[in-house]
């Protein structure tokens, strides 16, 4: 019985990475990733300095950005760019990077909610 339990536990442990998923395309043309346990975030960059992060709940429904703030840390051309994002219309957090940010840029966005809870979205 113990061997069966250990074999089952090992099987579940090895299968766990199969449930992980890559970033998915978002409805606004960016990559949508998990941002903590309660949110999803979609990063949209189009080669200009303006960057938009769209907020969604865990069920992919838009969440009003009012009361939220964020800090972006993106790698552009091998250099780290840091800048703030502020609430915009609807579920948008909007910021202006010091340099143009191409689509597909890698980095992270730390999001702080109205309740002070923080979450991180990695792109």
C-alpha atoms as a PDB file:
ATOM      1  CA  UNK A   1       0.000   0.000   0.000  1.00  0.00           C
ATOM      2  CA  UNK A   2       2.847   2.380   0.836  1.00  0.00           C
ATOM      3  CA  UNK A   3       4.474   1.691  -2.532  1.00  0.00           C
ATOM      4  CA  UNK A   4       1.204   2.486  -4.301  1.00  0.00           C
ATOM      5  CA  UNK A   5       0.872   5.766  -2.385  1.00  0.00           C
ATOM      6  CA  UNK A   6       4.471   6.762  -3.178  1.00  0.00           C
ATOM      7  CA  UNK A   7       4.041   5.839  -6.839  1.00  0.00           C
ATOM      8  CA  UNK A   8       0.849   7.900  -7.051  1.00  0.00           C
ATOM      9  CA  UNK A   9       2.500  10.861  -5.320  1.00  0.00           C
ATOM     10  CA  UNK A  10       5.465  10.688  -7.706  1.00  0.00           C
ATOM     11  CA  UNK A  11       3.088  10.564 -10.686  1.00  0.00           C
ATOM     12  CA  UNK A  12       1.232  13.680  -9.543  1.00  0.00           C
ATOM     13  CA  UNK A  13       4.514  15.487  -8.883  1.00  0.00           C
ATOM     14  CA  UNK A  14       5.850  14.727 -12.352  1.00  0.00           C
ATOM     15  CA  UNK A  15       2.561  15.704 -14.002  1.00  0.00           C
ATOM     16  CA  UNK A  16       2.356  19.111 -12.258  1.00  0.00           C
ATOM     17  CA  UNK A  17       4.427  20.991 -14.878  1.00  0.00           C
ATOM     18  CA  UNK A  18       1.938  19.862 -17.528  1.00  0.00           C
ATOM     19  CA  UNK A  19      -0.656  22.145 -15.950  1.00  0.00           C
ATOM     20  CA  UNK A  20       1.560  25.240 -16.329  1.00  0.00           C
ATOM     21  CA  UNK A  21       0.923  27.348 -19.404  1.00  0.00           C
ATOM     22  CA  UNK A  22       2.763  29.897 -21.488  1.00  0.00           C
ATOM     23  CA  UNK A  23       1.498  33.450 -21.779  1.00  0.00           C
ATOM     24  CA  UNK A  24      -1.580  33.637 -23.968  1.00  0.00           C
ATOM     25  CA  UNK A  25      -2.480  36.319 -26.478  1.00  0.00           C
ATOM     26  CA  UNK A  26      -4.748  38.903 -24.894  1.00  0.00           C
ATOM     27  CA  UNK A  27      -7.749  40.573 -26.521  1.00  0.00           C
ATOM     28  CA  UNK A  28      -5.722  43.785 -27.060  1.00  0.00           C
ATOM     29  CA  UNK A  29      -2.817  42.164 -28.891  1.00  0.00           C
ATOM     30  CA  UNK A  30      -0.441  41.795 -25.944  1.00  0.00           C
ATOM     31  CA  UNK A  31       0.599  38.836 -23.810  1.00  0.00           C
ATOM     32  CA  UNK A  32      -1.715  37.966 -20.919  1.00  0.00           C
ATOM     33  CA  UNK A  33      -0.129  36.357 -17.841  1.00  0.00           C
ATOM     34  CA  UNK A  34      -1.016  35.563 -14.241  1.00  0.00           C
ATOM     35  CA  UNK A  35      -0.538  38.426 -11.796  1.00  0.00           C
ATOM     36  CA  UNK A  36      -0.756  36.779  -8.409  1.00  0.00           C
ATOM     37  CA  UNK A  37      -3.633  34.518  -7.477  1.00  0.00           C
ATOM     38  CA  UNK A  38      -6.431  37.008  -8.179  1.00  0.00           C
ATOM     39  CA  UNK A  39      -5.526  38.779 -11.413  1.00  0.00           C
ATOM     40  CA  UNK A  40      -4.325  38.487 -14.978  1.00  0.00           C
ATOM     41  CA  UNK A  41      -2.430  41.268 -16.750  1.00  0.00           C
ATOM     42  CA  UNK A  42      -1.948  41.958 -20.445  1.00  0.00           C
ATOM     43  CA  UNK A  43       1.086  44.004 -21.510  1.00  0.00           C
ATOM     44  CA  UNK A  44       0.663  45.969 -24.738  1.00  0.00           C
ATOM     45  CA  UNK A  45       3.724  47.669 -26.246  1.00  0.00           C
ATOM     46  CA  UNK A  46       3.850  48.778 -29.867  1.00  0.00           C
ATOM     47  CA  UNK A  47       7.241  50.377 -30.481  1.00  0.00           C
ATOM     48  CA  UNK A  48       6.361  53.722 -28.887  1.00  0.00           C
ATOM     49  CA  UNK A  49       7.195  54.850 -25.351  1.00  0.00           C
ATOM     50  CA  UNK A  50       3.554  54.415 -24.276  1.00  0.00           C
ATOM     51  CA  UNK A  51       2.903  51.094 -22.513  1.00  0.00           C
ATOM     52  CA  UNK A  52      -0.510  49.823 -21.412  1.00  0.00           C
ATOM     53  CA  UNK A  53      -1.291  47.037 -18.949  1.00  0.00           C
ATOM     54  CA  UNK A  54      -4.864  45.747 -18.979  1.00  0.00           C
ATOM     55  CA  UNK A  55      -6.162  44.229 -15.718  1.00  0.00           C
ATOM     56  CA  UNK A  56      -8.475  41.210 -15.487  1.00  0.00           C
ATOM     57  CA  UNK A  57      -9.784  39.097 -12.634  1.00  0.00           C
ATOM     58  CA  UNK A  58      -9.075  35.367 -12.356  1.00  0.00           C
ATOM     59  CA  UNK A  59     -12.066  34.699 -14.660  1.00  0.00           C
ATOM     60  CA  UNK A  60     -10.650  37.025 -17.357  1.00  0.00           C
ATOM     61  CA  UNK A  61     -13.261  39.724 -16.736  1.00  0.00           C
ATOM     62  CA  UNK A  62     -11.966  43.331 -16.917  1.00  0.00           C
ATOM     63  CA  UNK A  63     -11.190  44.979 -13.559  1.00  0.00           C
ATOM     64  CA  UNK A  64     -11.415  48.773 -13.209  1.00  0.00           C
ATOM     65  CA  UNK A  65      -7.911  50.206 -12.833  1.00  0.00           C
ATOM     66  CA  UNK A  66      -9.122  52.981 -10.513  1.00  0.00           C
ATOM     67  CA  UNK A  67      -7.207  52.774  -7.242  1.00  0.00           C
ATOM     68  CA  UNK A  68      -4.464  50.577  -8.746  1.00  0.00           C
ATOM     69  CA  UNK A  69      -0.910  51.637  -9.525  1.00  0.00           C
ATOM     70  CA  UNK A  70       2.034  49.780 -10.986  1.00  0.00           C
ATOM     71  CA  UNK A  71       5.749  49.900 -11.689  1.00  0.00           C
ATOM     72  CA  UNK A  72       7.177  48.402 -14.860  1.00  0.00           C
ATOM     73  CA  UNK A  73      10.677  46.987 -15.161  1.00  0.00           C
ATOM     74  CA  UNK A  74      11.237  46.099 -18.808  1.00  0.00           C
ATOM     75  CA  UNK A  75      14.380  45.127 -20.708  1.00  0.00           C
ATOM     76  CA  UNK A  76      14.671  47.118 -23.937  1.00  0.00           C
ATOM     77  CA  UNK A  77      17.759  46.728 -26.110  1.00  0.00           C
ATOM     78  CA  UNK A  78      19.631  45.050 -23.260  1.00  0.00           C
ATOM     79  CA  UNK A  79      19.003  47.942 -20.847  1.00  0.00           C
ATOM     80  CA  UNK A  80      16.563  47.939 -17.932  1.00  0.00           C
ATOM     81  CA  UNK A  81      13.853  50.593 -18.141  1.00  0.00           C
ATOM     82  CA  UNK A  82      11.849  51.477 -15.015  1.00  0.00           C
ATOM     83  CA  UNK A  83       8.729  53.620 -15.027  1.00  0.00           C
ATOM     84  CA  UNK A  84       5.383  54.039 -13.293  1.00  0.00           C
ATOM     85  CA  UNK A  85       1.934  53.174 -14.655  1.00  0.00           C
ATOM     86  CA  UNK A  86      -1.177  55.074 -13.560  1.00  0.00           C
ATOM     87  CA  UNK A  87      -4.901  54.284 -13.938  1.00  0.00           C
ATOM     88  CA  UNK A  88      -6.405  55.155 -17.284  1.00  0.00           C
ATOM     89  CA  UNK A  89      -9.837  54.446 -18.747  1.00  0.00           C
ATOM     90  CA  UNK A  90     -11.540  51.196 -17.823  1.00  0.00           C
ATOM     91  CA  UNK A  91      -9.110  48.403 -16.990  1.00  0.00           C
ATOM     92  CA  UNK A  92      -5.992  50.207 -18.269  1.00  0.00           C
ATOM     93  CA  UNK A  93      -2.822  51.136 -16.421  1.00  0.00           C
ATOM     94  CA  UNK A  94      -0.832  53.512 -18.631  1.00  0.00           C
ATOM     95  CA  UNK A  95       2.790  54.633 -18.475  1.00  0.00           C
ATOM     96  CA  UNK A  96       5.477  56.258 -20.582  1.00  0.00           C
ATOM     97  CA  UNK A  97       8.849  54.544 -20.812  1.00  0.00           C
ATOM     98  CA  UNK A  98      12.054  56.542 -21.306  1.00  0.00           C
ATOM     99  CA  UNK A  99      12.570  54.770 -24.665  1.00  0.00           C
ATOM    100  CA  UNK A 100      10.318  53.151 -27.281  1.00  0.00           C
ATOM    101  CA  UNK A 101       9.197  49.673 -26.151  1.00  0.00           C
ATOM    102  CA  UNK A 102       8.779  47.055 -28.901  1.00  0.00           C
ATOM    103  CA  UNK A 103       6.105  44.369 -28.824  1.00  0.00           C
ATOM    104  CA  UNK A 104       7.235  41.174 -27.113  1.00  0.00           C
ATOM    105  CA  UNK A 105       9.477  42.969 -24.609  1.00  0.00           C
ATOM    106  CA  UNK A 106      10.432  40.921 -21.538  1.00  0.00           C
ATOM    107  CA  UNK A 107      10.196  42.127 -17.968  1.00  0.00           C
ATOM    108  CA  UNK A 108       7.860  42.434 -15.011  1.00  0.00           C
ATOM    109  CA  UNK A 109       5.132  44.717 -13.712  1.00  0.00           C
ATOM    110  CA  UNK A 110       4.465  45.048  -9.994  1.00  0.00           C
ATOM    111  CA  UNK A 111       0.823  45.934  -9.399  1.00  0.00           C
ATOM    112  CA  UNK A 112      -0.512  47.429  -6.164  1.00  0.00           C
ATOM    113  CA  UNK A 113      -4.259  47.223  -5.590  1.00  0.00           C
ATOM    114  CA  UNK A 114      -6.519  49.667  -3.764  1.00  0.00           C
ATOM    115  CA  UNK A 115      -6.227  47.469  -0.651  1.00  0.00           C
ATOM    116  CA  UNK A 116      -2.404  47.682  -0.714  1.00  0.00           C
ATOM    117  CA  UNK A 117      -1.966  44.064  -1.831  1.00  0.00           C
ATOM    118  CA  UNK A 118       0.743  43.582  -4.443  1.00  0.00           C
ATOM    119  CA  UNK A 119       1.082  41.143  -7.311  1.00  0.00           C
ATOM    120  CA  UNK A 120       3.695  40.638  -9.988  1.00  0.00           C
ATOM    121  CA  UNK A 121       3.155  39.865 -13.652  1.00  0.00           C
ATOM    122  CA  UNK A 122       6.177  38.490 -15.549  1.00  0.00           C
ATOM    123  CA  UNK A 123       6.312  38.802 -19.304  1.00  0.00           C
END
